[in-house]
């Protein structure tokens, strides 16, 4: 009888544990718009943290051609009845890789650890397939070029951009283009990726700011006066700083007050007048024309007349000589 009572009590405890459990909806990261992936059970939210979920890219994007890509997410945060995840890597199905690597085709693998722009350390494993068997030197050259292009491209990307480029095959196309001078490859795939290290996010708690409402706190300081019995006050309120100066009165004990603006105007007026006077003097000096210098009389150079007369005579004598020579010939 004692054994039966213990078994019944244990059964009641099991039932109580099952009733205490709750369904949590698992959601994808922000790069996939927090779409609902699946559901999971748990009696304590802390027990759900760290669970890994595997989903195909077809389920998230709706593209049938990406059904061979498996995405892996890890639950890292829980809010009410929703469990939010982060991307930890991807893989490809074994049947898809077997279809790529057939007989009389050379396969080139590589493993590269790269750091993204947002400080994620990612391990990428590309796979290059050629139409025919190629030499070992060509394979090593292709592997080297794959590593260089992956490092240069991934350093410019964030993790979200890297995942998008892997799913859309943009990174694969760039690698194919870089390897083309060595050998035209048939297919390149990033067959696997892993996140080795994530950046540490430090939460900074800001101290509560003090209220700066108008009229709540006023501090008045007596400033040193330079002229007479001048007394000035300053307050934290906007537009409430006033300085009052006791001026000498001409009639009885009359006292007059002036604001800061009027004082500034009086100070600036004589300086402006001086500037205006200086500018007028400069303009007057420029307008005064200098005395006209008397021009020296130009010397008239007379050309020699004899040479011109001789030239004219020679020009007249030439045709006469020519006529005389023609007559002799005849």
C-alpha atoms as a PDB file:
ATOM      1  CA  UNK A   1       0.000   0.000   0.000  1.00  0.00           C
ATOM      2  CA  UNK A   2       2.890   2.316   0.781  1.00  0.00           C
ATOM      3  CA  UNK A   3       4.289   1.854  -2.748  1.00  0.00           C
ATOM      4  CA  UNK A   4       0.937   2.709  -4.373  1.00  0.00           C
ATOM      5  CA  UNK A   5       0.616   5.927  -2.328  1.00  0.00           C
ATOM      6  CA  UNK A   6       4.111   7.074  -3.363  1.00  0.00           C
ATOM      7  CA  UNK A   7       3.404   6.436  -7.069  1.00  0.00           C
ATOM      8  CA  UNK A   8       0.130   8.370  -6.887  1.00  0.00           C
ATOM      9  CA  UNK A   9       1.855  11.332  -5.210  1.00  0.00           C
ATOM     10  CA  UNK A  10       4.575  11.315  -7.881  1.00  0.00           C
ATOM     11  CA  UNK A  11       1.912  11.263 -10.608  1.00  0.00           C
ATOM     12  CA  UNK A  12       0.173  14.266  -9.047  1.00  0.00           C
ATOM     13  CA  UNK A  13       3.493  16.160  -8.995  1.00  0.00           C
ATOM     14  CA  UNK A  14       4.088  15.402 -12.689  1.00  0.00           C
ATOM     15  CA  UNK A  15       0.610  16.674 -13.562  1.00  0.00           C
ATOM     16  CA  UNK A  16       1.198  19.844 -11.589  1.00  0.00           C
ATOM     17  CA  UNK A  17       4.471  20.490 -13.484  1.00  0.00           C
ATOM     18  CA  UNK A  18       2.750  20.036 -16.837  1.00  0.00           C
ATOM     19  CA  UNK A  19      -0.003  22.484 -15.901  1.00  0.00           C
ATOM     20  CA  UNK A  20       2.593  25.078 -14.839  1.00  0.00           C
ATOM     21  CA  UNK A  21       4.176  25.075 -18.321  1.00  0.00           C
ATOM     22  CA  UNK A  22       3.446  27.868 -20.803  1.00  0.00           C
ATOM     23  CA  UNK A  23       3.663  28.232 -24.591  1.00  0.00           C
ATOM     24  CA  UNK A  24       6.178  30.770 -25.917  1.00  0.00           C
ATOM     25  CA  UNK A  25       6.252  31.985 -29.542  1.00  0.00           C
ATOM     26  CA  UNK A  26       9.762  31.978 -31.033  1.00  0.00           C
ATOM     27  CA  UNK A  27      10.527  34.976 -33.256  1.00  0.00           C
ATOM     28  CA  UNK A  28      13.309  35.538 -35.819  1.00  0.00           C
ATOM     29  CA  UNK A  29      15.903  38.353 -35.441  1.00  0.00           C
ATOM     30  CA  UNK A  30      15.324  41.927 -36.634  1.00  0.00           C
ATOM     31  CA  UNK A  31      17.032  41.239 -39.987  1.00  0.00           C
ATOM     32  CA  UNK A  32      14.041  38.951 -40.767  1.00  0.00           C
ATOM     33  CA  UNK A  33      11.466  41.434 -39.334  1.00  0.00           C
ATOM     34  CA  UNK A  34      10.855  39.347 -36.149  1.00  0.00           C
ATOM     35  CA  UNK A  35       8.719  36.803 -37.999  1.00  0.00           C
ATOM     36  CA  UNK A  36       7.122  33.990 -36.025  1.00  0.00           C
ATOM     37  CA  UNK A  37       9.094  30.755 -36.455  1.00  0.00           C
ATOM     38  CA  UNK A  38       7.558  28.221 -34.079  1.00  0.00           C
ATOM     39  CA  UNK A  39       6.439  27.649 -30.481  1.00  0.00           C
ATOM     40  CA  UNK A  40       8.036  26.038 -27.429  1.00  0.00           C
ATOM     41  CA  UNK A  41       6.950  24.952 -23.945  1.00  0.00           C
ATOM     42  CA  UNK A  42       8.492  25.934 -20.633  1.00  0.00           C
ATOM     43  CA  UNK A  43       7.603  26.346 -16.985  1.00  0.00           C
ATOM     44  CA  UNK A  44      10.385  28.899 -16.382  1.00  0.00           C
ATOM     45  CA  UNK A  45      11.605  31.598 -18.828  1.00  0.00           C
ATOM     46  CA  UNK A  46      15.225  31.046 -17.739  1.00  0.00           C
ATOM     47  CA  UNK A  47      15.037  27.421 -18.924  1.00  0.00           C
ATOM     48  CA  UNK A  48      14.065  28.558 -22.440  1.00  0.00           C
ATOM     49  CA  UNK A  49      17.123  30.798 -22.837  1.00  0.00           C
ATOM     50  CA  UNK A  50      19.864  29.139 -24.915  1.00  0.00           C
ATOM     51  CA  UNK A  51      17.592  26.845 -26.939  1.00  0.00           C
ATOM     52  CA  UNK A  52      18.556  26.546 -30.639  1.00  0.00           C
ATOM     53  CA  UNK A  53      15.992  26.576 -33.456  1.00  0.00           C
ATOM     54  CA  UNK A  54      16.697  25.501 -37.062  1.00  0.00           C
ATOM     55  CA  UNK A  55      14.573  26.868 -39.929  1.00  0.00           C
ATOM     56  CA  UNK A  56      14.941  26.772 -43.729  1.00  0.00           C
ATOM     57  CA  UNK A  57      15.327  30.004 -45.681  1.00  0.00           C
ATOM     58  CA  UNK A  58      12.186  29.084 -47.627  1.00  0.00           C
ATOM     59  CA  UNK A  59      10.057  29.399 -44.462  1.00  0.00           C
ATOM     60  CA  UNK A  60      11.294  32.946 -43.831  1.00  0.00           C
ATOM     61  CA  UNK A  61      11.607  34.344 -47.373  1.00  0.00           C
ATOM     62  CA  UNK A  62       9.004  32.251 -49.208  1.00  0.00           C
ATOM     63  CA  UNK A  63      11.501  31.473 -52.019  1.00  0.00           C
ATOM     64  CA  UNK A  64      11.306  27.787 -53.040  1.00  0.00           C
ATOM     65  CA  UNK A  65      14.838  27.847 -54.548  1.00  0.00           C
ATOM     66  CA  UNK A  66      16.347  28.414 -51.058  1.00  0.00           C
ATOM     67  CA  UNK A  67      14.918  25.347 -49.377  1.00  0.00           C
ATOM     68  CA  UNK A  68      18.416  23.783 -49.118  1.00  0.00           C
ATOM     69  CA  UNK A  69      19.699  26.581 -46.790  1.00  0.00           C
ATOM     70  CA  UNK A  70      19.218  25.920 -43.061  1.00  0.00           C
ATOM     71  CA  UNK A  71      19.376  28.901 -40.692  1.00  0.00           C
ATOM     72  CA  UNK A  72      20.166  28.493 -36.995  1.00  0.00           C
ATOM     73  CA  UNK A  73      18.865  30.857 -34.291  1.00  0.00           C
ATOM     74  CA  UNK A  74      19.487  30.952 -30.540  1.00  0.00           C
ATOM     75  CA  UNK A  75      16.970  32.269 -27.961  1.00  0.00           C
ATOM     76  CA  UNK A  76      18.628  35.080 -26.005  1.00  0.00           C
ATOM     77  CA  UNK A  77      15.757  37.256 -24.774  1.00  0.00           C
ATOM     78  CA  UNK A  78      12.188  36.743 -23.504  1.00  0.00           C
ATOM     79  CA  UNK A  79       9.485  39.375 -23.295  1.00  0.00           C
ATOM     80  CA  UNK A  80       6.061  38.343 -21.925  1.00  0.00           C
ATOM     81  CA  UNK A  81       5.126  35.264 -24.047  1.00  0.00           C
ATOM     82  CA  UNK A  82       7.590  35.936 -26.945  1.00  0.00           C
ATOM     83  CA  UNK A  83      11.089  34.444 -27.196  1.00  0.00           C
ATOM     84  CA  UNK A  84      13.446  36.530 -29.371  1.00  0.00           C
ATOM     85  CA  UNK A  85      16.427  34.958 -31.120  1.00  0.00           C
ATOM     86  CA  UNK A  86      19.792  35.900 -32.657  1.00  0.00           C
ATOM     87  CA  UNK A  87      21.565  34.478 -35.735  1.00  0.00           C
ATOM     88  CA  UNK A  88      24.368  32.010 -34.910  1.00  0.00           C
ATOM     89  CA  UNK A  89      25.082  30.414 -38.308  1.00  0.00           C
ATOM     90  CA  UNK A  90      23.787  28.547 -41.338  1.00  0.00           C
ATOM     91  CA  UNK A  91      24.372  25.255 -43.142  1.00  0.00           C
ATOM     92  CA  UNK A  92      23.361  23.501 -46.368  1.00  0.00           C
ATOM     93  CA  UNK A  93      21.706  20.149 -46.773  1.00  0.00           C
ATOM     94  CA  UNK A  94      23.988  17.204 -47.590  1.00  0.00           C
ATOM     95  CA  UNK A  95      21.981  16.120 -50.650  1.00  0.00           C
ATOM     96  CA  UNK A  96      22.467  19.551 -52.284  1.00  0.00           C
ATOM     97  CA  UNK A  97      26.269  19.379 -51.787  1.00  0.00           C
ATOM     98  CA  UNK A  98      26.346  15.817 -53.177  1.00  0.00           C
ATOM     99  CA  UNK A  99      24.548  17.013 -56.289  1.00  0.00           C
ATOM    100  CA  UNK A 100      27.223  19.678 -56.892  1.00  0.00           C
ATOM    101  CA  UNK A 101      30.231  17.370 -56.478  1.00  0.00           C
ATOM    102  CA  UNK A 102      30.046  14.663 -59.146  1.00  0.00           C
ATOM    103  CA  UNK A 103      32.655  12.517 -60.891  1.00  0.00           C
ATOM    104  CA  UNK A 104      35.421  14.163 -62.921  1.00  0.00           C
ATOM    105  CA  UNK A 105      34.874  17.488 -61.178  1.00  0.00           C
ATOM    106  CA  UNK A 106      37.355  19.105 -58.805  1.00  0.00           C
ATOM    107  CA  UNK A 107      36.128  20.596 -55.534  1.00  0.00           C
ATOM    108  CA  UNK A 108      38.002  23.363 -53.664  1.00  0.00           C
ATOM    109  CA  UNK A 109      37.187  24.053 -50.002  1.00  0.00           C
ATOM    110  CA  UNK A 110      38.308  26.862 -47.714  1.00  0.00           C
ATOM    111  CA  UNK A 111      37.945  28.040 -44.099  1.00  0.00           C
ATOM    112  CA  UNK A 112      38.318  31.763 -43.305  1.00  0.00           C
ATOM    113  CA  UNK A 113      37.783  33.713 -40.058  1.00  0.00           C
ATOM    114  CA  UNK A 114      36.698  37.293 -40.745  1.00  0.00           C
ATOM    115  CA  UNK A 115      35.574  40.213 -38.577  1.00  0.00           C
ATOM    116  CA  UNK A 116      32.552  42.237 -39.710  1.00  0.00           C
ATOM    117  CA  UNK A 117      32.060  45.990 -39.499  1.00  0.00           C
ATOM    118  CA  UNK A 118      30.042  45.660 -36.256  1.00  0.00           C
ATOM    119  CA  UNK A 119      32.798  43.529 -34.586  1.00  0.00           C
ATOM    120  CA  UNK A 120      31.327  40.008 -35.100  1.00  0.00           C
ATOM    121  CA  UNK A 121      33.953  37.286 -35.649  1.00  0.00           C
ATOM    122  CA  UNK A 122      32.498  34.950 -38.311  1.00  0.00           C
ATOM    123  CA  UNK A 123      33.897  31.715 -39.762  1.00  0.00           C
ATOM    124  CA  UNK A 124      32.958  31.172 -43.428  1.00  0.00           C
ATOM    125  CA  UNK A 125      33.452  27.924 -45.358  1.00  0.00           C
ATOM    126  CA  UNK A 126      33.160  28.420 -49.133  1.00  0.00           C
ATOM    127  CA  UNK A 127      32.973  25.633 -51.709  1.00  0.00           C
ATOM    128  CA  UNK A 128      34.131  26.042 -55.340  1.00  0.00           C
ATOM    129  CA  UNK A 129      33.256  23.472 -58.031  1.00  0.00           C
ATOM    130  CA  UNK A 130      34.827  23.309 -61.527  1.00  0.00           C
ATOM    131  CA  UNK A 131      33.470  21.586 -64.652  1.00  0.00           C
ATOM    132  CA  UNK A 132      36.560  19.423 -65.058  1.00  0.00           C
ATOM    133  CA  UNK A 133      39.525  18.262 -63.056  1.00  0.00           C
ATOM    134  CA  UNK A 134      42.008  21.074 -62.555  1.00  0.00           C
ATOM    135  CA  UNK A 135      45.622  21.147 -61.355  1.00  0.00           C
ATOM    136  CA  UNK A 136      46.633  21.489 -57.723  1.00  0.00           C
ATOM    137  CA  UNK A 137      48.353  24.838 -58.402  1.00  0.00           C
ATOM    138  CA  UNK A 138      45.100  26.191 -59.827  1.00  0.00           C
ATOM    139  CA  UNK A 139      43.182  24.982 -56.764  1.00  0.00           C
ATOM    140  CA  UNK A 140      45.627  26.705 -54.369  1.00  0.00           C
ATOM    141  CA  UNK A 141      45.401  29.952 -56.395  1.00  0.00           C
ATOM    142  CA  UNK A 142      41.579  29.805 -56.332  1.00  0.00           C
ATOM    143  CA  UNK A 143      41.634  29.195 -52.564  1.00  0.00           C
ATOM    144  CA  UNK A 144      43.916  32.223 -52.066  1.00  0.00           C
ATOM    145  CA  UNK A 145      41.704  34.503 -54.163  1.00  0.00           C
ATOM    146  CA  UNK A 146      38.583  33.296 -52.322  1.00  0.00           C
ATOM    147  CA  UNK A 147      40.155  34.263 -48.978  1.00  0.00           C
ATOM    148  CA  UNK A 148      41.226  37.726 -50.200  1.00  0.00           C
ATOM    149  CA  UNK A 149      37.822  38.620 -51.691  1.00  0.00           C
ATOM    150  CA  UNK A 150      35.918  37.365 -48.622  1.00  0.00           C
ATOM    151  CA  UNK A 151      38.123  39.424 -46.261  1.00  0.00           C
ATOM    152  CA  UNK A 152      37.828  42.626 -48.295  1.00  0.00           C
ATOM    153  CA  UNK A 153      34.061  42.346 -48.772  1.00  0.00           C
ATOM    154  CA  UNK A 154      33.057  41.188 -45.267  1.00  0.00           C
ATOM    155  CA  UNK A 155      35.027  43.959 -43.517  1.00  0.00           C
ATOM    156  CA  UNK A 156      32.716  46.507 -45.148  1.00  0.00           C
ATOM    157  CA  UNK A 157      29.492  44.688 -44.125  1.00  0.00           C
ATOM    158  CA  UNK A 158      27.513  44.350 -40.940  1.00  0.00           C
ATOM    159  CA  UNK A 159      26.256  40.908 -39.872  1.00  0.00           C
ATOM    160  CA  UNK A 160      22.776  41.567 -41.288  1.00  0.00           C
ATOM    161  CA  UNK A 161      24.244  42.617 -44.666  1.00  0.00           C
ATOM    162  CA  UNK A 162      26.485  39.533 -44.704  1.00  0.00           C
ATOM    163  CA  UNK A 163      23.525  37.176 -44.155  1.00  0.00           C
ATOM    164  CA  UNK A 164      21.555  38.920 -46.925  1.00  0.00           C
ATOM    165  CA  UNK A 165      24.505  38.673 -49.356  1.00  0.00           C
ATOM    166  CA  UNK A 166      24.854  34.920 -48.599  1.00  0.00           C
ATOM    167  CA  UNK A 167      21.139  34.266 -49.161  1.00  0.00           C
ATOM    168  CA  UNK A 168      20.987  36.409 -52.337  1.00  0.00           C
ATOM    169  CA  UNK A 169      24.316  34.925 -53.656  1.00  0.00           C
ATOM    170  CA  UNK A 170      25.875  38.398 -54.171  1.00  0.00           C
ATOM    171  CA  UNK A 171      29.063  37.382 -52.352  1.00  0.00           C
ATOM    172  CA  UNK A 172      29.272  34.188 -54.463  1.00  0.00           C
ATOM    173  CA  UNK A 173      29.125  36.192 -57.711  1.00  0.00           C
ATOM    174  CA  UNK A 174      31.996  38.449 -56.601  1.00  0.00           C
ATOM    175  CA  UNK A 175      34.167  35.413 -55.809  1.00  0.00           C
ATOM    176  CA  UNK A 176      33.389  33.826 -59.210  1.00  0.00           C
ATOM    177  CA  UNK A 177      34.358  37.067 -60.971  1.00  0.00           C
ATOM    178  CA  UNK A 178      37.670  37.264 -59.058  1.00  0.00           C
ATOM    179  CA  UNK A 179      38.584  33.590 -59.822  1.00  0.00           C
ATOM    180  CA  UNK A 180      37.700  33.790 -63.538  1.00  0.00           C
ATOM    181  CA  UNK A 181      41.258  34.637 -64.779  1.00  0.00           C
ATOM    182  CA  UNK A 182      42.581  31.378 -63.269  1.00  0.00           C
ATOM    183  CA  UNK A 183      39.696  29.071 -64.227  1.00  0.00           C
ATOM    184  CA  UNK A 184      35.985  29.671 -65.028  1.00  0.00           C
ATOM    185  CA  UNK A 185      34.217  27.964 -62.103  1.00  0.00           C
ATOM    186  CA  UNK A 186      30.785  26.402 -62.437  1.00  0.00           C
ATOM    187  CA  UNK A 187      29.494  27.068 -58.921  1.00  0.00           C
ATOM    188  CA  UNK A 188      30.597  28.722 -55.663  1.00  0.00           C
ATOM    189  CA  UNK A 189      28.592  28.395 -52.444  1.00  0.00           C
ATOM    190  CA  UNK A 190      29.151  29.531 -48.852  1.00  0.00           C
ATOM    191  CA  UNK A 191      28.211  26.104 -47.527  1.00  0.00           C
ATOM    192  CA  UNK A 192      28.551  26.943 -43.815  1.00  0.00           C
ATOM    193  CA  UNK A 193      28.939  29.910 -41.465  1.00  0.00           C
ATOM    194  CA  UNK A 194      29.470  30.169 -37.691  1.00  0.00           C
ATOM    195  CA  UNK A 195      29.591  33.115 -35.304  1.00  0.00           C
ATOM    196  CA  UNK A 196      32.639  32.622 -33.077  1.00  0.00           C
ATOM    197  CA  UNK A 197      32.402  35.870 -31.113  1.00  0.00           C
ATOM    198  CA  UNK A 198      29.744  38.544 -30.655  1.00  0.00           C
ATOM    199  CA  UNK A 199      30.496  42.107 -29.501  1.00  0.00           C
ATOM    200  CA  UNK A 200      29.852  43.007 -25.871  1.00  0.00           C
ATOM    201  CA  UNK A 201      26.990  45.471 -25.482  1.00  0.00           C
ATOM    202  CA  UNK A 202      27.395  47.591 -22.362  1.00  0.00           C
ATOM    203  CA  UNK A 203      24.195  49.097 -21.032  1.00  0.00           C
ATOM    204  CA  UNK A 204      24.797  52.589 -19.671  1.00  0.00           C
ATOM    205  CA  UNK A 205      22.268  53.930 -17.181  1.00  0.00           C
ATOM    206  CA  UNK A 206      21.918  57.709 -17.365  1.00  0.00           C
ATOM    207  CA  UNK A 207      21.338  59.711 -14.184  1.00  0.00           C
ATOM    208  CA  UNK A 208      17.976  61.507 -14.002  1.00  0.00           C
ATOM    209  CA  UNK A 209      18.257  65.049 -15.284  1.00  0.00           C
ATOM    210  CA  UNK A 210      17.312  67.961 -13.030  1.00  0.00           C
ATOM    211  CA  UNK A 211      14.234  69.957 -14.011  1.00  0.00           C
ATOM    212  CA  UNK A 212      14.989  73.253 -15.727  1.00  0.00           C
ATOM    213  CA  UNK A 213      11.494  74.736 -15.666  1.00  0.00           C
ATOM    214  CA  UNK A 214      11.171  78.520 -15.807  1.00  0.00           C
ATOM    215  CA  UNK A 215      10.596  80.061 -12.384  1.00  0.00           C
ATOM    216  CA  UNK A 216      11.585  76.989 -10.338  1.00  0.00           C
ATOM    217  CA  UNK A 217      15.167  77.912  -9.357  1.00  0.00           C
ATOM    218  CA  UNK A 218      16.599  81.439  -9.293  1.00  0.00           C
ATOM    219  CA  UNK A 219      20.093  82.401  -8.182  1.00  0.00           C
ATOM    220  CA  UNK A 220      21.068  86.027  -7.859  1.00  0.00           C
ATOM    221  CA  UNK A 221      24.665  87.246  -7.722  1.00  0.00           C
ATOM    222  CA  UNK A 222      25.832  90.703  -6.811  1.00  0.00           C
ATOM    223  CA  UNK A 223      28.452  91.583  -9.416  1.00  0.00           C
ATOM    224  CA  UNK A 224      31.287  94.094  -8.827  1.00  0.00           C
ATOM    225  CA  UNK A 225      30.335  97.571 -10.078  1.00  0.00           C
ATOM    226  CA  UNK A 226      32.870  99.665 -12.017  1.00  0.00           C
ATOM    227  CA  UNK A 227      30.976 102.988 -12.213  1.00  0.00           C
ATOM    228  CA  UNK A 228      29.276 104.662  -9.265  1.00  0.00           C
ATOM    229  CA  UNK A 229      26.680 102.672  -7.356  1.00  0.00           C
ATOM    230  CA  UNK A 230      25.941 100.208 -10.204  1.00  0.00           C
ATOM    231  CA  UNK A 231      24.235  97.029  -9.054  1.00  0.00           C
ATOM    232  CA  UNK A 232      23.480  94.134 -11.519  1.00  0.00           C
ATOM    233  CA  UNK A 233      21.590  90.878 -10.991  1.00  0.00           C
ATOM    234  CA  UNK A 234      21.579  87.661 -13.025  1.00  0.00           C
ATOM    235  CA  UNK A 235      19.043  84.833 -12.878  1.00  0.00           C
ATOM    236  CA  UNK A 236      18.811  81.376 -14.520  1.00  0.00           C
ATOM    237  CA  UNK A 237      15.529  82.268 -16.166  1.00  0.00           C
ATOM    238  CA  UNK A 238      15.670  83.173 -19.825  1.00  0.00           C
ATOM    239  CA  UNK A 239      15.405  86.927 -20.431  1.00  0.00           C
ATOM    240  CA  UNK A 240      15.362  87.954 -16.721  1.00  0.00           C
ATOM    241  CA  UNK A 241      18.942  89.271 -16.395  1.00  0.00           C
ATOM    242  CA  UNK A 242      18.689  93.009 -15.586  1.00  0.00           C
ATOM    243  CA  UNK A 243      21.391  95.534 -14.663  1.00  0.00           C
ATOM    244  CA  UNK A 244      20.346  98.879 -13.253  1.00  0.00           C
ATOM    245  CA  UNK A 245      22.666 101.879 -12.911  1.00  0.00           C
ATOM    246  CA  UNK A 246      22.018 104.863 -10.699  1.00  0.00           C
ATOM    247  CA  UNK A 247      22.721 107.975 -12.803  1.00  0.00           C
ATOM    248  CA  UNK A 248      23.391 111.504 -11.481  1.00  0.00           C
ATOM    249  CA  UNK A 249      20.124 113.490 -11.406  1.00  0.00           C
ATOM    250  CA  UNK A 250      19.849 117.213 -12.318  1.00  0.00           C
ATOM    251  CA  UNK A 251      16.544 117.929 -10.560  1.00  0.00           C
ATOM    252  CA  UNK A 252      16.233 117.168  -6.809  1.00  0.00           C
ATOM    253  CA  UNK A 253      16.606 113.568  -5.750  1.00  0.00           C
ATOM    254  CA  UNK A 254      15.251 112.147  -9.020  1.00  0.00           C
ATOM    255  CA  UNK A 255      16.735 108.782  -9.897  1.00  0.00           C
ATOM    256  CA  UNK A 256      16.752 107.341 -13.447  1.00  0.00           C
ATOM    257  CA  UNK A 257      17.499 103.764 -14.508  1.00  0.00           C
ATOM    258  CA  UNK A 258      18.805 102.356 -17.734  1.00  0.00           C
ATOM    259  CA  UNK A 259      18.839  98.790 -19.050  1.00  0.00           C
ATOM    260  CA  UNK A 260      21.857  96.978 -20.500  1.00  0.00           C
ATOM    261  CA  UNK A 261      20.675  97.523 -24.083  1.00  0.00           C
ATOM    262  CA  UNK A 262      20.605 101.321 -23.693  1.00  0.00           C
ATOM    263  CA  UNK A 263      24.090 101.287 -22.135  1.00  0.00           C
ATOM    264  CA  UNK A 264      25.472  99.210 -25.017  1.00  0.00           C
ATOM    265  CA  UNK A 265      23.923 101.605 -27.529  1.00  0.00           C
ATOM    266  CA  UNK A 266      25.576 104.602 -25.878  1.00  0.00           C
ATOM    267  CA  UNK A 267      28.950 102.826 -25.808  1.00  0.00           C
ATOM    268  CA  UNK A 268      28.810 101.777 -29.470  1.00  0.00           C
ATOM    269  CA  UNK A 269      27.577 105.157 -30.869  1.00  0.00           C
ATOM    270  CA  UNK A 270      30.898 107.107 -30.453  1.00  0.00           C
ATOM    271  CA  UNK A 271      32.861 104.190 -31.931  1.00  0.00           C
ATOM    272  CA  UNK A 272      30.566 104.150 -34.972  1.00  0.00           C
ATOM    273  CA  UNK A 273      30.946 107.931 -35.425  1.00  0.00           C
ATOM    274  CA  UNK A 274      34.737 107.636 -35.340  1.00  0.00           C
ATOM    275  CA  UNK A 275      34.639 104.896 -37.952  1.00  0.00           C
ATOM    276  CA  UNK A 276      32.364 106.967 -40.221  1.00  0.00           C
ATOM    277  CA  UNK A 277      34.692 110.013 -39.912  1.00  0.00           C
ATOM    278  CA  UNK A 278      37.730 107.888 -40.784  1.00  0.00           C
ATOM    279  CA  UNK A 279      35.977 106.449 -43.864  1.00  0.00           C
ATOM    280  CA  UNK A 280      35.013 109.967 -45.054  1.00  0.00           C
ATOM    281  CA  UNK A 281      38.637 111.141 -44.796  1.00  0.00           C
ATOM    282  CA  UNK A 282      39.821 108.146 -46.819  1.00  0.00           C
ATOM    283  CA  UNK A 283      37.252 108.758 -49.581  1.00  0.00           C
ATOM    284  CA  UNK A 284      38.182 112.512 -49.665  1.00  0.00           C
ATOM    285  CA  UNK A 285      41.882 111.660 -50.049  1.00  0.00           C
ATOM    286  CA  UNK A 286      41.107 109.316 -52.929  1.00  0.00           C
ATOM    287  CA  UNK A 287      38.885 111.859 -54.752  1.00  0.00           C
ATOM    288  CA  UNK A 288      41.624 114.604 -54.746  1.00  0.00           C
ATOM    289  CA  UNK A 289      43.167 114.483 -58.173  1.00  0.00           C
ATOM    290  CA  UNK A 290      46.965 114.989 -58.445  1.00  0.00           C
ATOM    291  CA  UNK A 291      48.334 117.930 -60.383  1.00  0.00           C
ATOM    292  CA  UNK A 292      48.631 117.222 -64.037  1.00  0.00           C
ATOM    293  CA  UNK A 293      52.210 116.837 -65.108  1.00  0.00           C
ATOM    294  CA  UNK A 294      53.319 118.962 -68.008  1.00  0.00           C
ATOM    295  CA  UNK A 295      54.127 116.848 -70.962  1.00  0.00           C
ATOM    296  CA  UNK A 296      57.524 117.471 -72.593  1.00  0.00           C
ATOM    297  CA  UNK A 297      57.391 118.692 -76.235  1.00  0.00           C
ATOM    298  CA  UNK A 298      57.829 115.920 -78.730  1.00  0.00           C
ATOM    299  CA  UNK A 299      60.853 116.142 -81.014  1.00  0.00           C
ATOM    300  CA  UNK A 300      60.056 116.189 -84.726  1.00  0.00           C
ATOM    301  CA  UNK A 301      62.457 114.036 -86.712  1.00  0.00           C
ATOM    302  CA  UNK A 302      62.891 115.192 -90.271  1.00  0.00           C
ATOM    303  CA  UNK A 303      63.541 112.532 -92.856  1.00  0.00           C
ATOM    304  CA  UNK A 304      66.430 113.130 -95.289  1.00  0.00           C
ATOM    305  CA  UNK A 305      65.102 114.443 -98.644  1.00  0.00           C
ATOM    306  CA  UNK A 306      68.152 113.634-100.810  1.00  0.00           C
ATOM    307  CA  UNK A 307      67.838 109.863-100.482  1.00  0.00           C
ATOM    308  CA  UNK A 308      64.147 109.890-101.503  1.00  0.00           C
ATOM    309  CA  UNK A 309      64.922 112.035-104.624  1.00  0.00           C
ATOM    310  CA  UNK A 310      67.710 109.638-105.679  1.00  0.00           C
ATOM    311  CA  UNK A 311      65.419 106.637-105.337  1.00  0.00           C
ATOM    312  CA  UNK A 312      62.734 108.278-107.504  1.00  0.00           C
ATOM    313  CA  UNK A 313      65.299 109.097-110.230  1.00  0.00           C
ATOM    314  CA  UNK A 314      66.547 105.499-110.291  1.00  0.00           C
ATOM    315  CA  UNK A 315      62.968 104.220-110.605  1.00  0.00           C
ATOM    316  CA  UNK A 316      62.377 106.570-113.610  1.00  0.00           C
ATOM    317  CA  UNK A 317      65.675 105.617-115.321  1.00  0.00           C
ATOM    318  CA  UNK A 318      65.013 101.860-115.227  1.00  0.00           C
ATOM    319  CA  UNK A 319      62.242 101.734-117.868  1.00  0.00           C
ATOM    320  CA  UNK A 320      64.298 104.019-120.177  1.00  0.00           C
ATOM    321  CA  UNK A 321      67.301 101.683-120.028  1.00  0.00           C
ATOM    322  CA  UNK A 322      65.103  98.683-120.752  1.00  0.00           C
ATOM    323  CA  UNK A 323      63.663 100.370-123.867  1.00  0.00           C
ATOM    324  CA  UNK A 324      67.161 101.203-125.160  1.00  0.00           C
ATOM    325  CA  UNK A 325      68.278  97.602-124.708  1.00  0.00           C
ATOM    326  CA  UNK A 326      65.315  96.289-126.677  1.00  0.00           C
ATOM    327  CA  UNK A 327      66.032  98.676-129.565  1.00  0.00           C
ATOM    328  CA  UNK A 328      69.668  97.455-129.758  1.00  0.00           C
ATOM    329  CA  UNK A 329      68.527  93.857-129.933  1.00  0.00           C
ATOM    330  CA  UNK A 330      66.208  94.582-132.847  1.00  0.00           C
END
